[in-house]
Amino acid sequence: MRAVIPALLLPWLTALGSPLLAQPQPSATPKPAPKPPVLRPGTVAPLPGRLDAVPMLNDNNPEVIKGPGILLSTFDGQRGYAGRPLGEPSAHLNTAVSGPFELFSHHIYAGSPESLDSTLWLAVVAAPRGQAPVKLRTVAGSTALSQSVNPEQPSAPFLPLPALMEQGSTPIWAGPGSRVATELLARQRSPLVPEGWTLPPGQLSTLMVLPLPVRGLDPLLNGLNLQLRLNSDGPVDVATLAAFGPVDRPPDPAVWQRLLQGGLSPKEHSPSPRGASGPMVYSRVSGVQVGSAWQGRISDPGRPTLSVSRAPISWPISSLERGTLGTGQVQTAPLRSFYPGTAWAAHGNYGVTYDLSLPLRNDTGQPTRLALALESPIKTEQPLGGLRFNTTPARAVMFRGTVEVSGLDNDAGGPGGRRRFHLVLRAGQEGPTLGTVSLRPGQERQLRVRLIYPADATPPQVLSLIPVAPEVAPGAAVKQSGATPATSP
């Protein structure tokens, strides 16, 4: 899980030849020692709101698929899908879903040493839990490979991008998780994702079959991200399956039926027990989580608005065990069911939508200007009276994805419309500023911030409101600011 155990994906990104992870060249002049982090004083508060109860099938363990089999299954192993027990009941979670639900699937295939053009195929299969047909409707869906030599297969290589780029007519992304989250944020449906399916009772229906090819790649390494937002009119069981097969065509449908009768694809990275002391291994998720979206209205306690005098203030995004930034708030979605030896909570909240409103009010006697930023401070559990940031730029990328904001200043200083920004945040990085909000005394402004927490990210991040010092005319006397400067911790 790159997002909670960064070392796991460093070899992957290095192997993909990402300039982001390029090794420094030898130099005759020794480099100066890195400067220590600095503490930026300010309030770090729990994020208002909560997760909804929409189930998400979270299929992320194993990350690197090394063998065919069941990746995740909600089927009842004792009853099966046609009244016949499945081969290994322990390979199934017996957690049917109905109504709105989501599927998040993220995997890597490292190729086969016996074949330079091997392909691993991933299938999504489903069947009604009952004797009536079930209609499945696609609300939104996207999928992408990290590398593709086939123009019909969407891809998103890990490109070296600036920290901040505004999305325009040409989409911007870096990595398959970034692309899928960006497209879902825009409520798009990939051409590879059907509009829906009708599932006959008593039989297995194949919803999607996607390749993870390595032919033509050097090294033999590829990743795939898939996220579907679905709605069913009845209880349904879903499974994701992995199979080796022909390079240019998917396996026969009978292969998926046989695999569902078999066992699990090997899992990886067992977690630390819940509550254990010492270093924590989060592991990767393979289960059914409760919660696909976090909605919150950020205001002062008991009031309908948020006073601009609260800035500088930050709220965690995707906070998790031992990474609450001193707030004590764990936003991680709980798991309704999961496989032994995999994560016991959805650490990282991958694929979860954050939809936040900030009703700002200038209740001071002076004009004010605030900057809005998504930042990646140094992870901590203890309250520090602020956030720590690196002064020497780090190489590790902690966030690649798109943030949508409405209500920032336009060119005239008034409230602007919806804008989307692609961010690449490194470890311990402040900002960059997404935009500003300028308010006269008594004036109000409604901000809205939306993002989908992408795969290939490392939590937590923060959403920050930071005062902007007023501009000083040339030659005018400079009045010292009352704000406390950043200091070494």
Protein backbone atom coordinates (compact mmCIF):
# COMPACT_ATOMS: atom_id res chain seq x y z
CA MET A 1 0.00 0.00 0.00
CA ARG A 2 1.93 3.03 -1.24
CA ALA A 3 -0.37 5.21 0.76
CA VAL A 4 0.44 3.81 4.17
CA ILE A 5 3.64 1.82 3.61
CA PRO A 6 5.52 3.99 1.09
CA ALA A 7 8.45 1.60 0.70
CA LEU A 8 6.23 -0.97 -1.02
CA LEU A 9 5.74 1.07 -4.16
CA LEU A 10 9.13 2.76 -4.33
CA PRO A 11 10.58 -0.23 -6.23
CA TRP A 12 7.57 -0.13 -8.57
CA LEU A 13 7.94 3.55 -9.40
CA THR A 14 11.69 3.21 -9.70
CA ALA A 15 11.22 0.28 -12.07
CA LEU A 16 8.79 2.34 -14.15
CA GLY A 17 11.59 4.81 -14.72
CA SER A 18 9.83 7.68 -12.99
CA PRO A 19 12.03 10.79 -12.97
CA LEU A 20 10.37 11.53 -9.63
CA LEU A 21 12.46 8.74 -8.14
CA ALA A 22 15.63 9.20 -10.17
CA GLN A 23 18.80 8.61 -8.18
CA PRO A 24 21.04 11.66 -7.62
CA GLN A 25 24.18 11.80 -9.70
CA PRO A 26 27.56 11.68 -7.96
CA SER A 27 28.99 15.11 -7.28
CA ALA A 28 32.50 16.22 -6.46
CA THR A 29 31.09 18.77 -4.00
CA PRO A 30 29.36 17.21 -0.98
CA LYS A 31 25.79 18.32 -0.53
CA PRO A 32 24.95 20.34 2.56
CA ALA A 33 23.07 18.54 5.31
CA PRO A 34 19.29 18.92 5.03
CA LYS A 35 17.75 21.56 7.24
CA PRO A 36 15.43 20.41 10.02
CA PRO A 37 11.67 20.69 9.61
CA VAL A 38 9.92 23.85 10.79
CA LEU A 39 6.76 24.22 12.82
CA ARG A 40 4.07 26.48 11.38
CA PRO A 41 1.87 27.57 14.31
CA GLY A 42 -1.86 27.34 13.89
CA THR A 43 -4.97 25.40 14.83
CA VAL A 44 -5.38 21.81 13.64
CA ALA A 45 -9.02 20.83 14.18
CA PRO A 46 -11.01 17.64 13.52
CA LEU A 47 -12.77 17.67 10.15
CA PRO A 48 -16.54 18.19 10.59
CA GLY A 49 -18.88 15.66 9.02
CA ARG A 50 -18.77 11.90 8.72
CA LEU A 51 -18.72 9.01 6.31
CA ASP A 52 -21.95 7.79 4.77
CA ALA A 53 -23.07 4.16 5.03
CA VAL A 54 -22.67 3.25 1.34
CA PRO A 55 -20.68 0.00 1.06
CA MET A 56 -17.48 -0.12 -0.97
CA LEU A 57 -15.90 -3.37 -2.11
CA ASN A 58 -12.22 -2.60 -1.46
CA ASP A 59 -9.99 -4.92 -3.49
CA ASN A 60 -6.35 -4.02 -2.82
CA ASN A 61 -4.71 -7.09 -1.24
CA PRO A 62 -2.62 -8.46 -2.80
CA GLU A 63 -1.21 -5.36 -4.39
CA VAL A 64 1.21 -7.36 -6.56
CA ILE A 65 -0.74 -10.30 -7.97
CA LYS A 66 1.47 -13.39 -8.06
CA GLY A 67 -1.06 -16.09 -8.77
CA PRO A 68 -4.54 -16.68 -10.22
CA GLY A 69 -7.59 -16.96 -8.02
CA ILE A 70 -10.23 -15.01 -6.14
CA LEU A 71 -9.17 -11.47 -5.20
CA LEU A 72 -12.38 -10.53 -3.36
CA SER A 73 -15.78 -12.21 -3.20
CA THR A 74 -18.99 -11.26 -1.39
CA PHE A 75 -20.62 -14.61 -2.29
CA ASP A 76 -22.00 -17.03 0.28
CA GLY A 77 -19.54 -19.90 0.00
CA GLN A 78 -22.02 -22.38 1.51
CA ARG A 79 -24.94 -21.54 -0.79
CA GLY A 80 -23.08 -20.42 -3.91
CA TYR A 81 -24.90 -18.56 -6.67
CA ALA A 82 -27.05 -21.36 -8.04
CA GLY A 83 -27.87 -23.30 -4.90
CA ARG A 84 -24.59 -25.21 -5.10
CA PRO A 85 -21.82 -24.65 -2.52
CA LEU A 86 -18.63 -23.06 -3.79
CA GLY A 87 -15.38 -25.00 -3.60
CA GLU A 88 -13.70 -23.15 -0.73
CA PRO A 89 -16.23 -21.34 1.49
CA SER A 90 -13.45 -19.47 3.35
CA ALA A 91 -12.59 -17.64 0.11
CA HIS A 92 -15.92 -15.77 0.26
CA LEU A 93 -17.07 -13.00 2.63
CA ASN A 94 -20.83 -13.67 2.46
CA THR A 95 -21.67 -9.95 2.34
CA ALA A 96 -24.19 -9.22 -0.41
CA VAL A 97 -24.82 -5.61 -1.39
CA SER A 98 -27.95 -3.83 -2.58
CA GLY A 99 -28.86 -0.31 -3.66
CA PRO A 100 -25.93 2.11 -4.10
CA PHE A 101 -22.44 0.63 -3.67
CA GLU A 102 -18.95 1.09 -5.06
CA LEU A 103 -16.07 -1.11 -6.16
CA PHE A 104 -12.45 -0.01 -5.75
CA SER A 105 -9.77 -2.29 -7.22
CA HIS A 106 -6.04 -1.53 -7.42
CA HIS A 107 -3.35 -4.05 -8.40
CA ILE A 108 0.09 -4.49 -9.95
CA TYR A 109 1.34 -7.29 -12.20
CA ALA A 110 5.08 -7.87 -12.35
CA GLY A 111 5.04 -10.20 -15.34
CA SER A 112 6.15 -13.79 -15.65
CA PRO A 113 9.85 -14.68 -15.98
CA GLU A 114 8.87 -17.51 -18.34
CA SER A 115 7.26 -15.17 -20.87
CA LEU A 116 8.12 -11.63 -21.95
CA ASP A 117 4.61 -10.99 -23.27
CA SER A 118 2.45 -12.43 -20.48
CA THR A 119 -0.88 -10.86 -19.57
CA LEU A 120 -2.85 -11.10 -16.36
CA TRP A 121 -6.59 -10.65 -16.76
CA LEU A 122 -8.85 -9.19 -14.08
CA ALA A 123 -12.58 -9.92 -14.17
CA VAL A 124 -15.54 -8.51 -12.25
CA VAL A 125 -18.35 -11.08 -11.99
CA ALA A 126 -21.73 -10.94 -10.26
CA ALA A 127 -24.92 -12.89 -9.59
CA PRO A 128 -28.23 -12.11 -7.86
CA ARG A 129 -28.57 -13.20 -4.24
CA GLY A 130 -32.01 -14.73 -4.74
CA GLN A 131 -34.39 -16.04 -7.38
CA ALA A 132 -35.18 -12.75 -9.15
CA PRO A 133 -33.15 -10.96 -11.82
CA VAL A 134 -31.22 -7.88 -10.69
CA LYS A 135 -30.53 -4.73 -12.68
CA LEU A 136 -27.20 -3.02 -12.10
CA ARG A 137 -26.84 0.61 -13.20
CA THR A 138 -23.52 2.41 -13.59
CA VAL A 139 -23.58 5.86 -12.00
CA ALA A 140 -19.92 6.56 -12.87
CA GLY A 141 -16.82 4.49 -13.52
CA SER A 142 -13.23 4.76 -14.63
CA THR A 143 -10.24 2.53 -15.14
CA ALA A 144 -6.63 3.09 -16.18
CA LEU A 145 -3.32 1.27 -16.52
CA SER A 146 -0.03 2.78 -15.47
CA GLN A 147 1.37 1.90 -18.91
CA SER A 148 -0.30 0.88 -22.16
CA VAL A 149 0.84 0.18 -25.69
CA ASN A 150 -2.77 -0.19 -26.86
CA PRO A 151 -4.56 3.13 -27.54
CA GLU A 152 -7.86 1.48 -26.62
CA GLN A 153 -6.60 0.88 -23.07
CA PRO A 154 -6.50 4.18 -21.12
CA SER A 155 -3.29 4.74 -19.20
CA ALA A 156 -1.65 7.34 -16.98
CA PRO A 157 2.13 7.05 -16.59
CA PHE A 158 3.80 8.54 -13.52
CA LEU A 159 4.85 11.75 -15.23
CA PRO A 160 6.96 14.40 -13.46
CA LEU A 161 4.47 17.25 -13.07
CA PRO A 162 4.63 20.60 -11.26
CA ALA A 163 3.13 20.82 -7.80
CA LEU A 164 0.08 22.70 -9.10
CA MET A 165 -1.59 22.73 -12.52
CA GLU A 166 -5.11 23.91 -13.26
CA GLN A 167 -7.23 21.41 -15.15
CA GLY A 168 -8.39 22.67 -18.54
CA SER A 169 -9.57 21.18 -21.81
CA THR A 170 -6.63 18.74 -21.79
CA PRO A 171 -6.88 16.54 -18.67
CA ILE A 172 -3.88 16.28 -16.35
CA TRP A 173 -2.96 13.22 -14.32
CA ALA A 174 0.03 11.24 -13.06
CA GLY A 175 -0.53 7.56 -12.38
CA PRO A 176 -3.67 5.41 -12.77
CA GLY A 177 -5.03 6.38 -9.35
CA SER A 178 -4.75 10.05 -10.29
CA ARG A 179 -6.57 9.52 -13.58
CA VAL A 180 -9.40 7.43 -12.16
CA ALA A 181 -10.02 9.86 -9.28
CA THR A 182 -9.90 12.84 -11.66
CA GLU A 183 -12.42 11.31 -14.06
CA LEU A 184 -14.77 10.24 -11.27
CA LEU A 185 -14.58 13.71 -9.73
CA ALA A 186 -15.91 15.00 -13.06
CA ARG A 187 -18.66 12.32 -12.89
CA GLN A 188 -17.40 10.66 -16.05
CA ARG A 189 -17.86 7.09 -17.28
CA SER A 190 -15.02 5.46 -19.17
CA PRO A 191 -15.88 3.98 -22.59
CA LEU A 192 -14.72 0.62 -21.18
CA VAL A 193 -17.41 0.73 -18.48
CA PRO A 194 -20.91 -0.34 -19.63
CA GLU A 195 -23.99 1.66 -18.67
CA GLY A 196 -25.36 -1.32 -16.77
CA TRP A 197 -26.27 -5.00 -16.75
CA THR A 198 -29.26 -7.27 -16.16
CA LEU A 199 -28.21 -10.27 -14.08
CA PRO A 200 -30.28 -13.46 -14.56
CA PRO A 201 -30.77 -15.50 -11.40
CA GLY A 202 -28.92 -18.78 -10.96
CA GLN A 203 -25.98 -17.93 -13.18
CA LEU A 204 -22.72 -16.01 -13.11
CA SER A 205 -22.54 -12.83 -15.21
CA THR A 206 -19.24 -11.29 -16.29
CA LEU A 207 -19.43 -7.52 -15.92
CA MET A 208 -15.94 -6.50 -17.05
CA VAL A 209 -12.68 -8.16 -18.08
CA LEU A 210 -9.56 -5.97 -18.07
CA PRO A 211 -6.00 -6.82 -19.09
CA LEU A 212 -2.85 -6.13 -17.11
CA PRO A 213 -0.33 -6.56 -19.95
CA VAL A 214 3.45 -6.35 -19.79
CA ARG A 215 4.23 -7.06 -23.45
CA GLY A 216 6.38 -4.30 -24.85
CA LEU A 217 7.19 -2.89 -21.42
CA ASP A 218 10.62 -2.65 -19.86
CA PRO A 219 10.63 -3.63 -17.05
CA LEU A 220 7.77 -6.15 -17.03
CA LEU A 221 5.62 -4.17 -14.64
CA ASN A 222 2.17 -2.62 -14.88
CA GLY A 223 -0.58 -1.36 -12.59
CA LEU A 224 -4.34 -1.09 -12.92
CA ASN A 225 -6.87 1.03 -11.04
CA LEU A 226 -10.64 0.54 -11.36
CA GLN A 227 -13.47 2.27 -9.54
CA LEU A 228 -17.18 1.80 -10.21
CA ARG A 229 -20.18 3.56 -8.68
CA LEU A 230 -23.13 1.22 -9.03
CA ASN A 231 -26.76 0.92 -8.03
CA SER A 232 -28.66 -2.37 -7.88
CA ASP A 233 -32.40 -2.94 -7.55
CA GLY A 234 -31.88 -6.08 -5.50
CA PRO A 235 -29.27 -7.96 -3.46
CA VAL A 236 -26.27 -9.00 -5.50
CA ASP A 237 -22.96 -10.78 -4.97
CA VAL A 238 -19.80 -9.51 -6.66
CA ALA A 239 -16.31 -10.95 -7.04
CA THR A 240 -13.03 -9.89 -8.63
CA LEU A 241 -10.90 -12.65 -10.12
CA ALA A 242 -7.40 -12.87 -11.59
CA ALA A 243 -6.30 -15.29 -14.32
CA PHE A 244 -3.35 -15.76 -16.63
CA GLY A 245 -4.49 -16.03 -20.19
CA PRO A 246 -3.85 -15.29 -23.86
CA VAL A 247 -2.10 -12.03 -24.62
CA ASP A 248 -4.64 -10.59 -27.04
CA ARG A 249 -7.97 -12.00 -25.87
CA PRO A 250 -9.56 -12.64 -22.47
CA PRO A 251 -9.97 -16.13 -21.04
CA ASP A 252 -13.13 -18.07 -21.82
CA PRO A 253 -16.11 -17.40 -19.49
CA ALA A 254 -15.76 -20.93 -18.11
CA VAL A 255 -12.41 -19.91 -16.62
CA TRP A 256 -14.10 -17.41 -14.30
CA GLN A 257 -16.61 -20.00 -13.14
CA ARG A 258 -13.79 -22.42 -12.30
CA LEU A 259 -11.83 -19.73 -10.47
CA LEU A 260 -14.85 -18.82 -8.32
CA GLN A 261 -14.98 -22.47 -7.27
CA GLY A 262 -11.32 -22.31 -6.22
CA GLY A 263 -9.26 -20.47 -3.65
CA LEU A 264 -7.81 -17.02 -3.06
CA SER A 265 -5.01 -15.40 -4.99
CA PRO A 266 -2.16 -15.24 -2.42
CA LYS A 267 -2.49 -12.32 0.00
CA GLU A 268 0.42 -10.22 1.24
CA HIS A 269 1.60 -8.05 4.15
CA SER A 270 -0.23 -9.14 7.30
CA PRO A 271 -1.13 -6.17 9.53
CA SER A 272 -0.07 -5.35 13.05
CA PRO A 273 -2.78 -6.47 15.50
CA ARG A 274 -5.24 -3.76 16.41
CA GLY A 275 -3.90 -1.79 19.37
CA ALA A 276 -0.41 -3.32 19.24
CA SER A 277 2.52 -1.16 20.31
CA GLY A 278 5.66 -0.56 18.29
CA PRO A 279 5.94 0.12 14.54
CA MET A 280 2.63 -0.29 12.75
CA VAL A 281 2.11 -2.32 9.59
CA TYR A 282 -1.20 -1.17 8.14
CA SER A 283 -1.34 -3.83 5.40
CA ARG A 284 -3.65 -3.59 2.41
CA VAL A 285 -7.41 -3.86 2.32
CA SER A 286 -9.43 -6.80 1.05
CA GLY A 287 -12.98 -6.51 2.28
CA VAL A 288 -16.27 -4.63 2.32
CA GLN A 289 -16.01 -1.20 3.93
CA VAL A 290 -18.81 0.97 5.26
CA GLY A 291 -18.54 4.42 3.73
CA SER A 292 -17.78 5.82 0.28
CA ALA A 293 -18.16 9.59 0.87
CA TRP A 294 -17.40 12.08 3.63
CA GLN A 295 -19.64 15.14 3.70
CA GLY A 296 -19.07 18.02 6.09
CA ARG A 297 -19.94 21.64 6.71
CA ILE A 298 -17.02 23.49 8.32
CA SER A 299 -18.33 26.22 10.62
CA ASP A 300 -17.73 27.53 14.14
CA PRO A 301 -19.34 25.41 16.88
CA GLY A 302 -23.03 26.27 17.17
CA ARG A 303 -22.87 28.83 14.35
CA PRO A 304 -23.84 28.67 10.66
CA THR A 305 -20.60 30.28 9.45
CA LEU A 306 -16.83 30.05 9.97
CA SER A 307 -15.15 33.21 11.22
CA VAL A 308 -12.14 34.34 9.20
CA SER A 309 -10.43 35.05 12.53
CA ARG A 310 -9.96 31.27 12.97
CA ALA A 311 -7.18 31.26 10.37
CA PRO A 312 -4.56 29.90 10.28
CA ILE A 313 -6.49 26.66 10.67
CA SER A 314 -6.19 23.21 9.08
CA TRP A 315 -8.35 20.09 8.95
CA PRO A 316 -7.02 16.56 8.28
CA ILE A 317 -7.95 14.71 5.11
CA SER A 318 -7.77 10.89 5.30
CA SER A 319 -6.42 10.83 8.86
CA LEU A 320 -5.72 7.35 10.19
CA GLU A 321 -4.40 5.41 13.16
CA ARG A 322 -1.18 7.06 14.40
CA GLY A 323 -1.63 9.81 11.86
CA THR A 324 -4.33 12.12 13.27
CA LEU A 325 -2.05 15.22 13.35
CA GLY A 326 -2.93 15.72 17.00
CA THR A 327 -6.71 15.83 16.48
CA GLY A 328 -7.41 12.28 17.64
CA GLN A 329 -9.74 11.93 14.64
CA VAL A 330 -9.51 8.68 12.67
CA GLN A 331 -11.46 9.08 9.42
CA THR A 332 -10.71 5.54 8.23
CA ALA A 333 -13.77 3.62 7.03
CA PRO A 334 -14.58 0.52 9.10
CA LEU A 335 -14.80 -2.89 7.43
CA ARG A 336 -18.00 -4.92 7.56
CA SER A 337 -16.07 -8.02 6.54
CA PHE A 338 -12.50 -8.78 5.48
CA TYR A 339 -10.08 -11.64 4.92
CA PRO A 340 -7.73 -12.85 7.66
CA GLY A 341 -4.21 -11.47 7.28
CA THR A 342 -5.38 -8.25 5.58
CA ALA A 343 -5.98 -4.74 6.93
CA TRP A 344 -8.63 -4.56 9.68
CA ALA A 345 -9.76 -1.06 8.56
CA ALA A 346 -9.71 0.83 5.25
CA HIS A 347 -6.53 2.77 6.12
CA GLY A 348 -6.12 5.58 3.62
CA ASN A 349 -9.78 5.81 2.51
CA TYR A 350 -8.81 5.16 -1.11
CA GLY A 351 -11.60 6.05 -3.51
CA VAL A 352 -13.56 7.93 -0.82
CA THR A 353 -15.09 11.24 -1.90
CA TYR A 354 -14.61 14.28 0.34
CA ASP A 355 -17.31 16.93 -0.18
CA LEU A 356 -16.79 19.92 2.12
CA SER A 357 -18.49 23.31 2.39
CA LEU A 358 -16.90 26.32 4.11
CA PRO A 359 -19.38 29.17 4.78
CA LEU A 360 -16.89 31.97 5.55
CA ARG A 361 -17.82 35.23 7.27
CA ASN A 362 -15.63 38.26 7.92
CA ASP A 363 -16.82 39.25 11.38
CA THR A 364 -13.84 41.55 11.94
CA GLY A 365 -13.63 45.28 11.34
CA GLN A 366 -10.99 45.02 8.61
CA PRO A 367 -10.89 43.63 5.06
CA THR A 368 -9.31 40.18 5.04
CA ARG A 369 -7.78 37.84 2.51
CA LEU A 370 -7.28 34.12 3.07
CA ALA A 371 -5.43 31.51 1.01
CA LEU A 372 -6.84 28.00 0.56
CA ALA A 373 -4.38 25.12 0.25
CA LEU A 374 -4.18 21.33 0.31
CA GLU A 375 -0.94 20.41 2.06
CA SER A 376 1.07 17.35 3.05
CA PRO A 377 2.56 17.98 6.50
CA ILE A 378 4.86 15.59 8.31
CA LYS A 379 2.77 12.78 9.81
CA THR A 380 2.33 12.85 13.57
CA GLU A 381 -0.03 11.66 16.26
CA GLN A 382 0.83 14.29 18.86
CA PRO A 383 -0.60 17.83 19.02
CA LEU A 384 2.16 20.32 18.22
CA GLY A 385 0.35 23.65 18.19
CA GLY A 386 0.58 23.63 14.41
CA LEU A 387 2.01 21.55 11.57
CA ARG A 388 5.55 20.56 10.72
CA PHE A 389 6.88 20.99 7.18
CA ASN A 390 10.18 20.19 5.48
CA THR A 391 12.45 23.05 4.50
CA THR A 392 14.52 20.77 2.24
CA PRO A 393 12.30 19.39 -0.57
CA ALA A 394 11.69 15.65 -0.24
CA ARG A 395 11.63 13.18 -3.13
CA ALA A 396 8.76 11.01 -1.91
CA VAL A 397 5.42 11.96 -3.51
CA MET A 398 2.54 11.75 -1.02
CA PHE A 399 -0.41 12.89 -3.15
CA ARG A 400 -1.23 12.84 -6.86
CA GLY A 401 -4.75 13.91 -7.67
CA THR A 402 -7.29 16.59 -8.48
CA VAL A 403 -9.06 18.97 -6.12
CA GLU A 404 -12.22 20.85 -7.18
CA VAL A 405 -12.96 24.23 -5.58
CA SER A 406 -15.89 26.62 -6.01
CA GLY A 407 -16.04 30.18 -4.63
CA LEU A 408 -12.44 31.36 -4.88
CA ASP A 409 -11.71 34.93 -5.94
CA ASN A 410 -12.15 35.61 -9.62
CA ASP A 411 -10.21 38.30 -11.50
CA ALA A 412 -12.58 40.95 -10.12
CA GLY A 413 -12.18 39.76 -6.53
CA GLY A 414 -15.68 38.27 -6.35
CA PRO A 415 -16.74 34.63 -6.00
CA GLY A 416 -15.62 32.51 -8.94
CA GLY A 417 -17.09 29.32 -10.34
CA ARG A 418 -15.89 25.72 -10.22
CA ARG A 419 -12.18 25.14 -10.84
CA ARG A 420 -10.13 21.96 -10.73
CA PHE A 421 -6.45 21.72 -9.83
CA HIS A 422 -4.08 18.77 -10.16
CA LEU A 423 -1.63 18.54 -7.27
CA VAL A 424 1.62 16.63 -6.79
CA LEU A 425 2.58 16.97 -3.12
CA ARG A 426 5.85 15.70 -1.71
CA ALA A 427 6.49 14.64 1.87
CA GLY A 428 6.22 17.55 4.28
CA GLN A 429 5.24 20.07 1.59
CA GLU A 430 3.37 23.29 2.34
CA GLY A 431 0.76 24.49 -0.11
CA PRO A 432 0.67 25.28 -2.93
CA THR A 433 -2.11 27.87 -2.75
CA LEU A 434 -5.22 26.93 -4.74
CA GLY A 435 -6.54 30.49 -4.62
CA THR A 436 -7.67 33.24 -2.28
CA VAL A 437 -10.87 34.56 -0.70
CA SER A 438 -11.18 38.34 -0.18
CA LEU A 439 -13.92 39.58 2.17
CA ARG A 440 -14.92 43.05 3.38
CA PRO A 441 -16.18 43.46 6.96
CA GLY A 442 -19.52 41.69 7.32
CA GLN A 443 -19.21 39.92 3.96
CA GLU A 444 -19.78 36.18 3.54
CA ARG A 445 -18.52 33.66 0.97
CA GLN A 446 -19.41 30.00 0.42
CA LEU A 447 -16.52 27.73 -0.55
CA ARG A 448 -16.95 24.13 -1.65
CA VAL A 449 -14.07 21.65 -1.88
CA ARG A 450 -14.35 18.20 -3.46
CA LEU A 451 -11.76 15.49 -3.98
CA ILE A 452 -11.59 11.73 -4.31
CA TYR A 453 -8.72 10.30 -2.31
CA PRO A 454 -6.60 8.64 -5.00
CA ALA A 455 -4.61 5.44 -5.04
CA ASP A 456 -0.82 5.98 -5.03
CA ALA A 457 -1.20 8.59 -2.27
CA THR A 458 0.08 8.58 1.31
CA PRO A 459 -2.20 9.97 4.05
CA PRO A 460 -2.79 12.24 5.78
CA GLN A 461 -3.07 15.63 4.08
CA VAL A 462 -4.71 18.80 5.40
CA LEU A 463 -7.03 21.46 4.02
CA SER A 464 -5.78 24.83 5.25
CA LEU A 465 -6.99 28.43 5.44
CA ILE A 466 -4.04 30.79 5.84
CA PRO A 467 -4.11 34.59 6.28
CA VAL A 468 -2.50 36.55 3.43
CA ALA A 469 -0.51 39.56 4.53
CA PRO A 470 -1.76 42.83 2.94
CA GLU A 471 0.34 44.22 0.13
CA VAL A 472 2.57 47.12 1.06
CA ALA A 473 2.94 50.08 -1.29
CA PRO A 474 6.53 50.84 -2.37
CA GLY A 475 8.24 53.13 0.13
CA ALA A 476 5.56 52.70 2.79
CA ALA A 477 6.48 51.84 6.35
CA VAL A 478 6.21 48.12 7.05
CA LYS A 479 4.03 47.15 10.00
CA GLN A 480 5.11 43.97 11.70
CA SER A 481 2.59 41.15 11.45
CA GLY A 482 1.10 39.70 14.60
CA ALA A 483 1.32 36.17 13.21
CA THR A 484 3.89 33.86 14.72
CA PRO A 485 6.53 32.81 12.20
CA ALA A 486 7.42 29.21 11.52
CA THR A 487 10.09 27.91 13.88
CA SER A 488 12.26 24.86 14.19
CA PRO A 489 10.52 22.25 16.33
